[in-house]
Amino acid sequence: MTSDPPTTEQAPGASDEGSRSVEVELKFDADADTPLPDWSGLPGVVTVGEGEVRELDARYLDTAEFALASASFALRRRTGGPDAGWHVKGPRVGDARVELHWPLGEADVVPEGALAVLAEVTTEELTPLARIRNTRTAYDLCDADGGVVAEFADDLVSALDERSGAERSWREWEVELGPAAPADTDARAALFTAAEAAVHAVGGRAAASASKLARALGY
């Protein structure tokens, strides 16, 4: 049974500006039988953690005219995993994308702070756009001190376009920089180059879509 779709009613006590993070990641497509990459060649990576399975369920909203998507924004409410809550994702700049986060709260309503951020793009009514369910197995790629250089996510995704009724499923991989990732640009580039080589070596390939939401909608 699914819960009622979120609305644009303001959630009590959710007026803060939200926590901020910056995603720096690479995305790849993989077939159902593609073996996992060997990460031993990544600069600074000494150990690979045990896979942690996370059941993620995200509901995305937008206006009738796709105002958020047209401005490269996304609004979702996601349960499961360590960052469950409301998320606003801004436009991608290179490999990076700023994400704002608010707690789930007691009601399925958009936090006031999220609405304030999105008011720069639109104040129109927000209605369900897509639902994306994802069985994720996450692996920490760690340095000699145990710091997380990057997280590798093996995702089995099923998506529903709420407006057309189209259903899609696929497997994708994400490599996202962690707290112990190198700070300088050249070192990060070398890490990503090595990650791409590891993925391609087992048959993975560049992602067909820029995001799960885009793919859920057929783009």
N, C-alpha and C. Protein backbone atom coordinates (compact mmCIF):
# COMPACT_ATOMS: atom_id res chain seq x y z
N MET A 1 0.86 -1.20 0.00
CA MET A 1 0.00 0.00 0.00
C MET A 1 0.89 1.25 0.00
N THR A 2 0.57 2.24 -0.83
CA THR A 2 1.35 3.47 -0.88
C THR A 2 0.67 4.55 -0.07
N SER A 3 1.48 5.49 0.41
CA SER A 3 0.94 6.61 1.17
C SER A 3 0.36 7.64 0.22
N ASP A 4 -0.47 8.53 0.76
CA ASP A 4 -1.00 9.59 -0.06
C ASP A 4 0.12 10.46 -0.57
N PRO A 5 0.02 11.02 -1.78
CA PRO A 5 1.09 11.84 -2.32
C PRO A 5 1.30 13.10 -1.50
N PRO A 6 2.57 13.57 -1.43
CA PRO A 6 2.84 14.81 -0.71
C PRO A 6 2.11 15.98 -1.36
N THR A 7 1.88 17.02 -0.57
CA THR A 7 1.25 18.23 -1.07
C THR A 7 2.16 19.41 -0.80
N THR A 8 1.76 20.59 -1.25
CA THR A 8 2.56 21.77 -1.02
C THR A 8 2.16 22.50 0.25
N GLU A 9 1.38 21.87 1.10
CA GLU A 9 1.08 22.45 2.42
C GLU A 9 2.38 22.56 3.22
N GLN A 10 2.54 23.61 4.00
CA GLN A 10 3.76 23.79 4.77
C GLN A 10 3.76 22.87 5.98
N ALA A 11 4.91 22.25 6.20
CA ALA A 11 5.04 21.34 7.33
C ALA A 11 5.37 22.12 8.59
N PRO A 12 4.62 21.92 9.67
CA PRO A 12 4.91 22.64 10.92
C PRO A 12 6.33 22.36 11.40
N GLY A 13 7.02 23.41 11.80
CA GLY A 13 8.35 23.25 12.37
C GLY A 13 9.43 22.99 11.35
N ALA A 14 9.12 23.16 10.04
CA ALA A 14 10.13 22.88 9.02
C ALA A 14 10.53 24.15 8.29
N SER A 15 10.73 25.23 9.03
CA SER A 15 11.01 26.52 8.41
C SER A 15 12.50 26.82 8.29
N ASP A 16 13.37 25.91 8.72
CA ASP A 16 14.81 26.16 8.64
C ASP A 16 15.28 26.10 7.20
N GLU A 17 16.51 26.49 6.98
CA GLU A 17 17.06 26.55 5.63
C GLU A 17 17.53 25.19 5.14
N GLY A 18 17.53 24.19 5.97
CA GLY A 18 17.96 22.86 5.56
C GLY A 18 19.47 22.71 5.64
N SER A 19 19.91 21.47 5.77
CA SER A 19 21.35 21.21 5.73
C SER A 19 21.80 21.16 4.28
N ARG A 20 23.06 21.46 4.05
CA ARG A 20 23.58 21.59 2.69
C ARG A 20 24.71 20.60 2.47
N SER A 21 24.70 19.95 1.32
CA SER A 21 25.80 19.08 0.93
C SER A 21 26.06 19.27 -0.56
N VAL A 22 27.24 18.86 -0.99
CA VAL A 22 27.59 18.95 -2.40
C VAL A 22 27.93 17.55 -2.90
N GLU A 23 27.15 17.07 -3.84
CA GLU A 23 27.41 15.76 -4.44
C GLU A 23 28.41 15.92 -5.58
N VAL A 24 29.46 15.10 -5.54
CA VAL A 24 30.39 15.02 -6.66
C VAL A 24 30.46 13.55 -7.02
N GLU A 25 29.91 13.19 -8.15
CA GLU A 25 29.77 11.77 -8.46
C GLU A 25 29.86 11.50 -9.94
N LEU A 26 30.10 10.23 -10.25
CA LEU A 26 30.00 9.70 -11.60
C LEU A 26 28.89 8.67 -11.61
N LYS A 27 28.19 8.57 -12.74
CA LYS A 27 27.10 7.60 -12.88
C LYS A 27 27.38 6.71 -14.08
N PHE A 28 27.03 5.42 -13.93
CA PHE A 28 27.25 4.45 -14.99
C PHE A 28 26.04 3.55 -15.12
N ASP A 29 25.88 2.95 -16.29
CA ASP A 29 24.89 1.91 -16.50
C ASP A 29 25.58 0.55 -16.46
N ALA A 30 24.84 -0.46 -15.98
CA ALA A 30 25.36 -1.82 -15.94
C ALA A 30 24.22 -2.78 -16.24
N ASP A 31 24.55 -3.91 -16.85
CA ASP A 31 23.55 -4.94 -17.10
C ASP A 31 23.33 -5.74 -15.83
N ALA A 32 22.25 -6.53 -15.82
CA ALA A 32 21.90 -7.31 -14.62
C ALA A 32 23.00 -8.26 -14.21
N ASP A 33 23.76 -8.79 -15.17
CA ASP A 33 24.79 -9.78 -14.85
C ASP A 33 26.20 -9.21 -14.88
N THR A 34 26.34 -7.90 -14.95
CA THR A 34 27.68 -7.30 -14.95
C THR A 34 28.33 -7.46 -13.58
N PRO A 35 29.55 -8.02 -13.51
CA PRO A 35 30.20 -8.18 -12.21
C PRO A 35 30.64 -6.84 -11.64
N LEU A 36 30.80 -6.79 -10.32
CA LEU A 36 31.22 -5.54 -9.69
C LEU A 36 32.66 -5.20 -10.07
N PRO A 37 32.98 -3.92 -10.16
CA PRO A 37 34.34 -3.51 -10.50
C PRO A 37 35.35 -3.88 -9.41
N ASP A 38 36.60 -3.96 -9.82
CA ASP A 38 37.73 -4.14 -8.90
C ASP A 38 38.27 -2.75 -8.58
N TRP A 39 38.15 -2.34 -7.30
CA TRP A 39 38.53 -0.98 -6.92
C TRP A 39 39.96 -0.87 -6.41
N SER A 40 40.73 -1.93 -6.53
CA SER A 40 42.09 -1.92 -5.96
C SER A 40 43.02 -0.93 -6.66
N GLY A 41 42.67 -0.52 -7.87
CA GLY A 41 43.54 0.40 -8.60
C GLY A 41 43.23 1.87 -8.38
N LEU A 42 42.23 2.17 -7.53
CA LEU A 42 41.90 3.57 -7.29
C LEU A 42 42.92 4.23 -6.38
N PRO A 43 43.41 5.40 -6.74
CA PRO A 43 44.38 6.09 -5.90
C PRO A 43 43.86 6.33 -4.49
N GLY A 44 44.63 5.91 -3.49
CA GLY A 44 44.26 6.15 -2.10
C GLY A 44 43.32 5.13 -1.50
N VAL A 45 42.74 4.25 -2.31
CA VAL A 45 41.80 3.26 -1.79
C VAL A 45 42.55 2.00 -1.39
N VAL A 46 42.42 1.62 -0.11
CA VAL A 46 43.13 0.46 0.44
C VAL A 46 42.18 -0.69 0.73
N THR A 47 40.98 -0.37 1.21
CA THR A 47 40.00 -1.42 1.54
C THR A 47 38.63 -1.05 0.99
N VAL A 48 37.83 -2.08 0.75
CA VAL A 48 36.45 -1.91 0.32
C VAL A 48 35.55 -2.52 1.39
N GLY A 49 34.64 -1.73 1.92
CA GLY A 49 33.78 -2.19 3.00
C GLY A 49 32.76 -3.21 2.54
N GLU A 50 32.15 -3.86 3.50
CA GLU A 50 31.06 -4.78 3.20
C GLU A 50 29.87 -4.00 2.64
N GLY A 51 29.18 -4.61 1.70
CA GLY A 51 28.03 -3.93 1.11
C GLY A 51 26.90 -3.77 2.11
N GLU A 52 26.32 -2.57 2.16
CA GLU A 52 25.17 -2.28 3.02
C GLU A 52 23.94 -2.10 2.13
N VAL A 53 22.94 -2.94 2.34
CA VAL A 53 21.73 -2.88 1.52
C VAL A 53 20.77 -1.84 2.09
N ARG A 54 20.28 -0.96 1.22
CA ARG A 54 19.34 0.08 1.60
C ARG A 54 18.14 0.05 0.66
N GLU A 55 16.95 0.05 1.22
CA GLU A 55 15.74 0.10 0.41
C GLU A 55 15.25 1.55 0.38
N LEU A 56 15.38 2.19 -0.75
CA LEU A 56 15.06 3.61 -0.91
C LEU A 56 13.76 3.77 -1.70
N ASP A 57 12.95 4.71 -1.27
CA ASP A 57 11.66 4.96 -1.93
C ASP A 57 11.47 6.47 -2.02
N ALA A 58 11.53 6.99 -3.22
CA ALA A 58 11.49 8.45 -3.43
C ALA A 58 10.27 8.84 -4.25
N ARG A 59 9.62 9.93 -3.80
CA ARG A 59 8.51 10.53 -4.53
C ARG A 59 8.95 11.93 -4.98
N TYR A 60 8.87 12.18 -6.28
CA TYR A 60 9.27 13.46 -6.86
C TYR A 60 8.03 14.29 -7.20
N LEU A 61 8.16 15.61 -7.05
CA LEU A 61 7.06 16.53 -7.36
C LEU A 61 7.54 17.59 -8.33
N ASP A 62 6.60 18.14 -9.09
CA ASP A 62 6.89 19.25 -9.98
C ASP A 62 5.56 19.93 -10.32
N THR A 63 5.63 21.04 -11.01
CA THR A 63 4.42 21.70 -11.46
C THR A 63 3.87 20.99 -12.70
N ALA A 64 2.67 21.35 -13.09
CA ALA A 64 2.05 20.76 -14.28
C ALA A 64 2.88 21.02 -15.53
N GLU A 65 3.60 22.13 -15.54
CA GLU A 65 4.40 22.51 -16.70
C GLU A 65 5.89 22.20 -16.52
N PHE A 66 6.22 21.38 -15.53
CA PHE A 66 7.60 20.94 -15.29
C PHE A 66 8.56 22.11 -15.04
N ALA A 67 8.12 23.06 -14.22
CA ALA A 67 8.96 24.24 -13.97
C ALA A 67 10.28 23.88 -13.29
N LEU A 68 10.25 22.96 -12.33
CA LEU A 68 11.48 22.59 -11.63
C LEU A 68 12.45 21.88 -12.57
N ALA A 69 11.96 20.89 -13.28
CA ALA A 69 12.82 20.15 -14.19
C ALA A 69 13.40 21.06 -15.26
N SER A 70 12.61 22.00 -15.75
CA SER A 70 13.08 22.91 -16.80
C SER A 70 14.21 23.80 -16.31
N ALA A 71 14.24 24.05 -14.99
CA ALA A 71 15.30 24.87 -14.40
C ALA A 71 16.40 24.00 -13.78
N SER A 72 16.36 22.70 -14.05
CA SER A 72 17.35 21.73 -13.54
C SER A 72 17.33 21.59 -12.03
N PHE A 73 16.13 21.75 -11.44
CA PHE A 73 15.92 21.49 -10.02
C PHE A 73 15.11 20.20 -9.86
N ALA A 74 15.23 19.61 -8.68
CA ALA A 74 14.41 18.43 -8.36
C ALA A 74 14.01 18.50 -6.90
N LEU A 75 12.78 18.11 -6.63
CA LEU A 75 12.26 18.05 -5.26
C LEU A 75 11.76 16.63 -5.02
N ARG A 76 12.22 16.03 -3.94
CA ARG A 76 11.78 14.67 -3.63
C ARG A 76 11.65 14.47 -2.13
N ARG A 77 10.86 13.48 -1.77
CA ARG A 77 10.78 12.98 -0.40
C ARG A 77 11.18 11.51 -0.46
N ARG A 78 12.26 11.18 0.24
CA ARG A 78 12.78 9.82 0.15
C ARG A 78 12.88 9.18 1.52
N THR A 79 12.43 7.95 1.62
CA THR A 79 12.57 7.17 2.84
C THR A 79 13.63 6.09 2.61
N GLY A 80 14.24 5.65 3.72
CA GLY A 80 15.28 4.64 3.63
C GLY A 80 16.65 5.28 3.49
N GLY A 81 17.66 4.61 4.04
CA GLY A 81 19.02 5.11 3.92
C GLY A 81 19.34 6.17 4.94
N PRO A 82 20.62 6.58 5.02
CA PRO A 82 21.05 7.53 6.05
C PRO A 82 20.60 8.96 5.83
N ASP A 83 20.14 9.30 4.62
CA ASP A 83 19.73 10.68 4.35
C ASP A 83 18.24 10.78 4.05
N ALA A 84 17.44 9.93 4.68
CA ALA A 84 15.99 9.99 4.46
C ALA A 84 15.47 11.39 4.78
N GLY A 85 14.56 11.88 3.98
CA GLY A 85 14.01 13.21 4.21
C GLY A 85 13.60 13.85 2.90
N TRP A 86 13.38 15.16 2.98
CA TRP A 86 13.08 15.98 1.81
C TRP A 86 14.39 16.52 1.24
N HIS A 87 14.51 16.49 -0.07
CA HIS A 87 15.72 16.98 -0.73
C HIS A 87 15.35 17.93 -1.86
N VAL A 88 16.08 19.03 -1.95
CA VAL A 88 16.04 19.89 -3.12
C VAL A 88 17.41 19.84 -3.76
N LYS A 89 17.44 19.41 -5.02
CA LYS A 89 18.69 19.37 -5.76
C LYS A 89 18.71 20.50 -6.77
N GLY A 90 19.84 21.21 -6.80
CA GLY A 90 19.99 22.31 -7.74
C GLY A 90 20.65 21.88 -9.03
N PRO A 91 20.86 22.81 -9.94
CA PRO A 91 21.48 22.48 -11.23
C PRO A 91 22.89 21.92 -11.04
N ARG A 92 23.28 21.01 -11.91
CA ARG A 92 24.61 20.42 -11.88
C ARG A 92 25.62 21.41 -12.45
N VAL A 93 26.77 21.52 -11.77
CA VAL A 93 27.89 22.32 -12.26
C VAL A 93 29.08 21.39 -12.37
N GLY A 94 29.43 21.00 -13.58
CA GLY A 94 30.46 19.99 -13.78
C GLY A 94 29.99 18.67 -13.21
N ASP A 95 30.80 18.08 -12.31
CA ASP A 95 30.43 16.83 -11.66
C ASP A 95 29.70 17.06 -10.34
N ALA A 96 29.48 18.31 -9.98
CA ALA A 96 28.94 18.62 -8.64
C ALA A 96 27.50 19.13 -8.72
N ARG A 97 26.76 18.84 -7.64
CA ARG A 97 25.39 19.31 -7.54
C ARG A 97 25.09 19.59 -6.07
N VAL A 98 24.59 20.79 -5.77
CA VAL A 98 24.25 21.15 -4.40
C VAL A 98 22.91 20.52 -4.04
N GLU A 99 22.85 19.95 -2.83
CA GLU A 99 21.61 19.35 -2.34
C GLU A 99 21.29 19.92 -0.96
N LEU A 100 20.05 20.34 -0.78
CA LEU A 100 19.55 20.80 0.51
C LEU A 100 18.65 19.72 1.08
N HIS A 101 18.70 19.56 2.40
CA HIS A 101 18.02 18.44 3.03
C HIS A 101 17.22 18.91 4.24
N TRP A 102 16.00 18.36 4.38
CA TRP A 102 15.15 18.58 5.56
C TRP A 102 14.66 17.23 6.07
N PRO A 103 14.39 17.10 7.36
CA PRO A 103 13.88 15.82 7.90
C PRO A 103 12.53 15.45 7.30
N LEU A 104 12.18 14.17 7.42
CA LEU A 104 10.89 13.70 6.92
C LEU A 104 9.73 14.39 7.62
N GLY A 105 9.86 14.63 8.93
CA GLY A 105 8.76 15.21 9.69
C GLY A 105 7.63 14.20 9.88
N GLU A 106 6.56 14.68 10.48
CA GLU A 106 5.44 13.80 10.79
C GLU A 106 4.43 13.70 9.67
N ALA A 107 4.41 14.64 8.77
CA ALA A 107 3.40 14.66 7.71
C ALA A 107 4.09 14.70 6.35
N ASP A 108 3.42 14.15 5.35
CA ASP A 108 3.95 14.16 3.99
C ASP A 108 3.64 15.48 3.31
N VAL A 109 4.27 16.54 3.82
CA VAL A 109 4.09 17.87 3.25
C VAL A 109 5.45 18.50 3.05
N VAL A 110 5.56 19.33 2.04
CA VAL A 110 6.84 19.94 1.71
C VAL A 110 7.25 20.92 2.81
N PRO A 111 8.47 20.84 3.32
CA PRO A 111 8.92 21.78 4.35
C PRO A 111 8.87 23.23 3.86
N GLU A 112 8.58 24.11 4.78
CA GLU A 112 8.51 25.54 4.46
C GLU A 112 9.81 26.03 3.85
N GLY A 113 10.93 25.57 4.40
CA GLY A 113 12.22 26.00 3.88
C GLY A 113 12.44 25.58 2.44
N ALA A 114 11.99 24.38 2.09
CA ALA A 114 12.13 23.92 0.71
C ALA A 114 11.28 24.76 -0.23
N LEU A 115 10.06 25.09 0.20
CA LEU A 115 9.20 25.93 -0.62
C LEU A 115 9.81 27.31 -0.84
N ALA A 116 10.48 27.82 0.20
CA ALA A 116 11.12 29.13 0.08
C ALA A 116 12.24 29.10 -0.96
N VAL A 117 13.02 28.02 -0.94
CA VAL A 117 14.10 27.87 -1.93
C VAL A 117 13.51 27.78 -3.33
N LEU A 118 12.48 26.98 -3.49
CA LEU A 118 11.91 26.74 -4.82
C LEU A 118 11.10 27.93 -5.32
N ALA A 119 10.74 28.86 -4.43
CA ALA A 119 9.97 30.04 -4.84
C ALA A 119 10.75 30.88 -5.86
N GLU A 120 12.09 30.74 -5.87
CA GLU A 120 12.89 31.44 -6.87
C GLU A 120 12.65 30.87 -8.27
N VAL A 121 12.13 29.65 -8.33
CA VAL A 121 11.86 29.00 -9.61
C VAL A 121 10.37 29.05 -9.93
N THR A 122 9.53 28.70 -8.93
CA THR A 122 8.09 28.67 -9.15
C THR A 122 7.35 28.71 -7.83
N THR A 123 6.14 29.25 -7.86
CA THR A 123 5.23 29.18 -6.72
C THR A 123 3.95 28.45 -7.11
N GLU A 124 3.97 27.80 -8.27
CA GLU A 124 2.80 27.05 -8.72
C GLU A 124 2.63 25.78 -7.89
N GLU A 125 1.45 25.18 -7.97
CA GLU A 125 1.16 23.96 -7.23
C GLU A 125 2.10 22.83 -7.66
N LEU A 126 2.57 22.07 -6.68
CA LEU A 126 3.45 20.93 -6.94
C LEU A 126 2.65 19.64 -6.77
N THR A 127 2.75 18.78 -7.76
CA THR A 127 1.99 17.54 -7.75
C THR A 127 2.92 16.37 -8.08
N PRO A 128 2.51 15.13 -7.77
CA PRO A 128 3.40 13.98 -7.99
C PRO A 128 3.87 13.88 -9.44
N LEU A 129 5.14 13.62 -9.59
CA LEU A 129 5.77 13.51 -10.91
C LEU A 129 6.24 12.08 -11.18
N ALA A 130 6.97 11.51 -10.21
CA ALA A 130 7.51 10.16 -10.40
C ALA A 130 7.77 9.53 -9.04
N ARG A 131 7.73 8.22 -9.04
CA ARG A 131 8.12 7.46 -7.86
C ARG A 131 9.26 6.54 -8.26
N ILE A 132 10.35 6.59 -7.50
CA ILE A 132 11.53 5.78 -7.82
C ILE A 132 11.89 4.94 -6.61
N ARG A 133 11.83 3.63 -6.77
CA ARG A 133 12.22 2.70 -5.72
C ARG A 133 13.54 2.04 -6.11
N ASN A 134 14.42 1.92 -5.14
CA ASN A 134 15.79 1.52 -5.44
C ASN A 134 16.34 0.61 -4.35
N THR A 135 16.73 -0.58 -4.74
CA THR A 135 17.48 -1.44 -3.82
C THR A 135 18.96 -1.15 -4.05
N ARG A 136 19.56 -0.46 -3.10
CA ARG A 136 20.95 -0.01 -3.21
C ARG A 136 21.85 -0.85 -2.31
N THR A 137 22.96 -1.31 -2.86
CA THR A 137 24.03 -1.90 -2.06
C THR A 137 25.20 -0.94 -2.10
N ALA A 138 25.53 -0.36 -0.95
CA ALA A 138 26.54 0.70 -0.87
C ALA A 138 27.83 0.14 -0.27
N TYR A 139 28.94 0.50 -0.88
CA TYR A 139 30.26 0.05 -0.43
C TYR A 139 31.13 1.27 -0.16
N ASP A 140 31.76 1.32 1.02
CA ASP A 140 32.72 2.37 1.32
C ASP A 140 34.09 2.00 0.76
N LEU A 141 34.67 2.91 -0.01
CA LEU A 141 36.03 2.73 -0.53
C LEU A 141 36.94 3.57 0.35
N CYS A 142 37.76 2.90 1.17
CA CYS A 142 38.45 3.58 2.27
C CYS A 142 39.95 3.66 2.08
N ASP A 143 40.55 4.69 2.69
CA ASP A 143 42.01 4.85 2.68
C ASP A 143 42.63 4.08 3.84
N ALA A 144 43.93 4.23 4.01
CA ALA A 144 44.65 3.46 5.03
C ALA A 144 44.20 3.79 6.44
N ASP A 145 43.66 4.98 6.65
CA ASP A 145 43.19 5.39 7.97
C ASP A 145 41.72 5.06 8.20
N GLY A 146 41.09 4.43 7.23
CA GLY A 146 39.67 4.11 7.35
C GLY A 146 38.74 5.21 6.87
N GLY A 147 39.30 6.30 6.37
CA GLY A 147 38.46 7.38 5.84
C GLY A 147 37.82 6.98 4.53
N VAL A 148 36.61 7.46 4.29
CA VAL A 148 35.87 7.11 3.08
C VAL A 148 36.30 8.02 1.93
N VAL A 149 37.05 7.46 1.00
CA VAL A 149 37.47 8.21 -0.18
C VAL A 149 36.28 8.40 -1.12
N ALA A 150 35.49 7.36 -1.26
CA ALA A 150 34.31 7.42 -2.13
C ALA A 150 33.33 6.33 -1.69
N GLU A 151 32.08 6.50 -2.07
CA GLU A 151 31.09 5.46 -1.89
C GLU A 151 30.67 4.95 -3.25
N PHE A 152 30.68 3.64 -3.39
CA PHE A 152 30.20 3.00 -4.60
C PHE A 152 28.82 2.43 -4.34
N ALA A 153 27.84 2.78 -5.17
CA ALA A 153 26.47 2.31 -5.01
C ALA A 153 26.07 1.48 -6.21
N ASP A 154 25.63 0.27 -5.94
CA ASP A 154 25.10 -0.63 -6.95
C ASP A 154 23.58 -0.59 -6.82
N ASP A 155 22.90 0.03 -7.78
CA ASP A 155 21.47 0.33 -7.67
C ASP A 155 20.63 -0.51 -8.63
N LEU A 156 19.60 -1.15 -8.09
CA LEU A 156 18.58 -1.83 -8.88
C LEU A 156 17.32 -0.98 -8.77
N VAL A 157 16.96 -0.33 -9.85
CA VAL A 157 15.97 0.75 -9.83
C VAL A 157 14.68 0.34 -10.54
N SER A 158 13.56 0.66 -9.93
CA SER A 158 12.27 0.55 -10.60
C SER A 158 11.56 1.89 -10.45
N ALA A 159 11.00 2.39 -11.54
CA ALA A 159 10.45 3.74 -11.53
C ALA A 159 9.08 3.77 -12.19
N LEU A 160 8.26 4.68 -11.69
CA LEU A 160 6.93 4.92 -12.25
C LEU A 160 6.80 6.39 -12.59
N ASP A 161 6.50 6.68 -13.84
CA ASP A 161 6.14 8.03 -14.26
C ASP A 161 4.69 8.23 -13.82
N GLU A 162 4.48 9.05 -12.80
CA GLU A 162 3.15 9.21 -12.21
C GLU A 162 2.13 9.80 -13.18
N ARG A 163 2.60 10.49 -14.19
CA ARG A 163 1.68 11.19 -15.09
C ARG A 163 1.33 10.38 -16.33
N SER A 164 2.28 9.63 -16.85
CA SER A 164 1.99 8.81 -18.03
C SER A 164 1.66 7.37 -17.68
N GLY A 165 2.06 6.96 -16.47
CA GLY A 165 1.86 5.58 -16.07
C GLY A 165 2.95 4.64 -16.53
N ALA A 166 3.96 5.15 -17.25
CA ALA A 166 5.03 4.29 -17.75
C ALA A 166 5.90 3.79 -16.60
N GLU A 167 6.27 2.52 -16.68
CA GLU A 167 7.15 1.91 -15.69
C GLU A 167 8.46 1.52 -16.36
N ARG A 168 9.56 1.75 -15.66
CA ARG A 168 10.88 1.43 -16.20
C ARG A 168 11.74 0.84 -15.09
N SER A 169 12.68 -0.02 -15.47
CA SER A 169 13.62 -0.57 -14.49
C SER A 169 14.99 -0.69 -15.13
N TRP A 170 16.01 -0.55 -14.31
CA TRP A 170 17.37 -0.62 -14.81
C TRP A 170 18.34 -0.80 -13.64
N ARG A 171 19.60 -1.05 -13.99
CA ARG A 171 20.67 -1.14 -12.99
C ARG A 171 21.67 -0.03 -13.31
N GLU A 172 22.08 0.67 -12.27
CA GLU A 172 23.08 1.71 -12.47
C GLU A 172 24.05 1.73 -11.30
N TRP A 173 25.21 2.32 -11.54
CA TRP A 173 26.24 2.47 -10.51
C TRP A 173 26.54 3.95 -10.30
N GLU A 174 26.85 4.29 -9.06
CA GLU A 174 27.29 5.65 -8.74
C GLU A 174 28.59 5.57 -7.94
N VAL A 175 29.51 6.44 -8.24
CA VAL A 175 30.73 6.61 -7.44
C VAL A 175 30.72 8.05 -6.96
N GLU A 176 30.50 8.24 -5.66
CA GLU A 176 30.40 9.58 -5.09
C GLU A 176 31.55 9.84 -4.13
N LEU A 177 32.18 10.98 -4.25
CA LEU A 177 33.31 11.32 -3.38
C LEU A 177 32.87 11.39 -1.94
N GLY A 178 33.74 10.91 -1.04
CA GLY A 178 33.47 10.92 0.38
C GLY A 178 34.31 11.95 1.12
N PRO A 179 34.22 11.97 2.45
CA PRO A 179 34.94 12.97 3.25
C PRO A 179 36.46 12.91 3.10
N ALA A 180 37.01 11.72 2.80
CA ALA A 180 38.46 11.57 2.67
C ALA A 180 38.94 11.65 1.23
N ALA A 181 38.08 12.14 0.33
CA ALA A 181 38.47 12.30 -1.07
C ALA A 181 39.54 13.38 -1.19
N PRO A 182 40.40 13.29 -2.19
CA PRO A 182 41.41 14.33 -2.38
C PRO A 182 40.77 15.69 -2.63
N ALA A 183 41.44 16.73 -2.14
CA ALA A 183 40.87 18.07 -2.23
C ALA A 183 41.21 18.77 -3.54
N ASP A 184 42.38 18.46 -4.12
CA ASP A 184 42.78 19.22 -5.31
C ASP A 184 42.20 18.60 -6.57
N THR A 185 42.04 19.43 -7.57
CA THR A 185 41.34 19.05 -8.79
C THR A 185 42.03 17.92 -9.53
N ASP A 186 43.35 17.97 -9.64
CA ASP A 186 44.08 16.95 -10.40
C ASP A 186 43.94 15.58 -9.75
N ALA A 187 44.02 15.53 -8.43
CA ALA A 187 43.91 14.25 -7.73
C ALA A 187 42.50 13.68 -7.88
N ARG A 188 41.50 14.55 -7.83
CA ARG A 188 40.13 14.07 -8.02
C ARG A 188 39.94 13.55 -9.44
N ALA A 189 40.52 14.24 -10.40
CA ALA A 189 40.42 13.80 -11.79
C ALA A 189 41.07 12.43 -11.96
N ALA A 190 42.20 12.23 -11.31
CA ALA A 190 42.88 10.93 -11.39
C ALA A 190 42.04 9.83 -10.77
N LEU A 191 41.37 10.15 -9.65
CA LEU A 191 40.51 9.18 -9.00
C LEU A 191 39.34 8.80 -9.91
N PHE A 192 38.71 9.78 -10.52
CA PHE A 192 37.59 9.50 -11.41
C PHE A 192 38.03 8.75 -12.67
N THR A 193 39.21 9.08 -13.18
CA THR A 193 39.73 8.36 -14.35
C THR A 193 39.94 6.89 -14.02
N ALA A 194 40.48 6.63 -12.84
CA ALA A 194 40.69 5.24 -12.42
C ALA A 194 39.36 4.53 -12.20
N ALA A 195 38.37 5.24 -11.66
CA ALA A 195 37.05 4.65 -11.45
C ALA A 195 36.41 4.29 -12.79
N GLU A 196 36.52 5.18 -13.76
CA GLU A 196 35.97 4.89 -15.09
C GLU A 196 36.64 3.67 -15.70
N ALA A 197 37.96 3.57 -15.54
CA ALA A 197 38.68 2.42 -16.10
C ALA A 197 38.23 1.11 -15.44
N ALA A 198 38.00 1.15 -14.12
CA ALA A 198 37.56 -0.04 -13.40
C ALA A 198 36.17 -0.47 -13.86
N VAL A 199 35.30 0.49 -14.08
CA VAL A 199 33.94 0.20 -14.53
C VAL A 199 33.94 -0.36 -15.96
N HIS A 200 34.69 0.28 -16.84
CA HIS A 200 34.73 -0.17 -18.22
C HIS A 200 35.37 -1.55 -18.35
N ALA A 201 36.28 -1.88 -17.45
CA ALA A 201 36.97 -3.17 -17.51
C ALA A 201 36.02 -4.35 -17.31
N VAL A 202 34.91 -4.13 -16.60
CA VAL A 202 33.97 -5.23 -16.35
C VAL A 202 32.72 -5.11 -17.21
N GLY A 203 32.68 -4.13 -18.10
CA GLY A 203 31.55 -4.01 -19.01
C GLY A 203 30.55 -2.92 -18.67
N GLY A 204 30.82 -2.12 -17.64
CA GLY A 204 29.97 -0.97 -17.35
C GLY A 204 30.18 0.11 -18.40
N ARG A 205 29.28 1.08 -18.44
CA ARG A 205 29.36 2.11 -19.47
C ARG A 205 28.80 3.43 -18.93
N ALA A 206 29.05 4.49 -19.66
CA ALA A 206 28.55 5.80 -19.25
C ALA A 206 27.03 5.77 -19.14
N ALA A 207 26.49 6.49 -18.15
CA ALA A 207 25.04 6.50 -17.92
C ALA A 207 24.31 7.09 -19.11
N ALA A 208 23.19 6.48 -19.46
CA ALA A 208 22.40 6.96 -20.59
C ALA A 208 21.63 8.22 -20.25
N SER A 209 21.35 8.43 -18.95
CA SER A 209 20.61 9.61 -18.51
C SER A 209 21.39 10.34 -17.43
N ALA A 210 21.13 11.63 -17.29
CA ALA A 210 21.85 12.43 -16.31
C ALA A 210 21.42 12.15 -14.88
N SER A 211 20.20 11.64 -14.69
CA SER A 211 19.69 11.39 -13.35
C SER A 211 18.65 10.28 -13.39
N LYS A 212 18.36 9.71 -12.22
CA LYS A 212 17.30 8.71 -12.15
C LYS A 212 15.95 9.30 -12.54
N LEU A 213 15.70 10.55 -12.14
CA LEU A 213 14.44 11.17 -12.48
C LEU A 213 14.28 11.30 -13.98
N ALA A 214 15.33 11.76 -14.67
CA ALA A 214 15.25 11.91 -16.12
C ALA A 214 14.95 10.57 -16.77
N ARG A 215 15.59 9.53 -16.29
CA ARG A 215 15.35 8.21 -16.88
C ARG A 215 13.94 7.71 -16.57
N ALA A 216 13.46 7.99 -15.37
CA ALA A 216 12.11 7.59 -15.02
C ALA A 216 11.08 8.22 -15.95
N LEU A 217 11.39 9.42 -16.43
CA LEU A 217 10.48 10.15 -17.32
C LEU A 217 10.75 9.87 -18.79
N GLY A 218 11.72 8.98 -19.06
CA GLY A 218 11.99 8.59 -20.44
C GLY A 218 13.02 9.41 -21.15
N TYR A 219 13.85 10.15 -20.39
CA TYR A 219 14.89 10.98 -21.02
C TYR A 219 16.27 10.42 -20.78
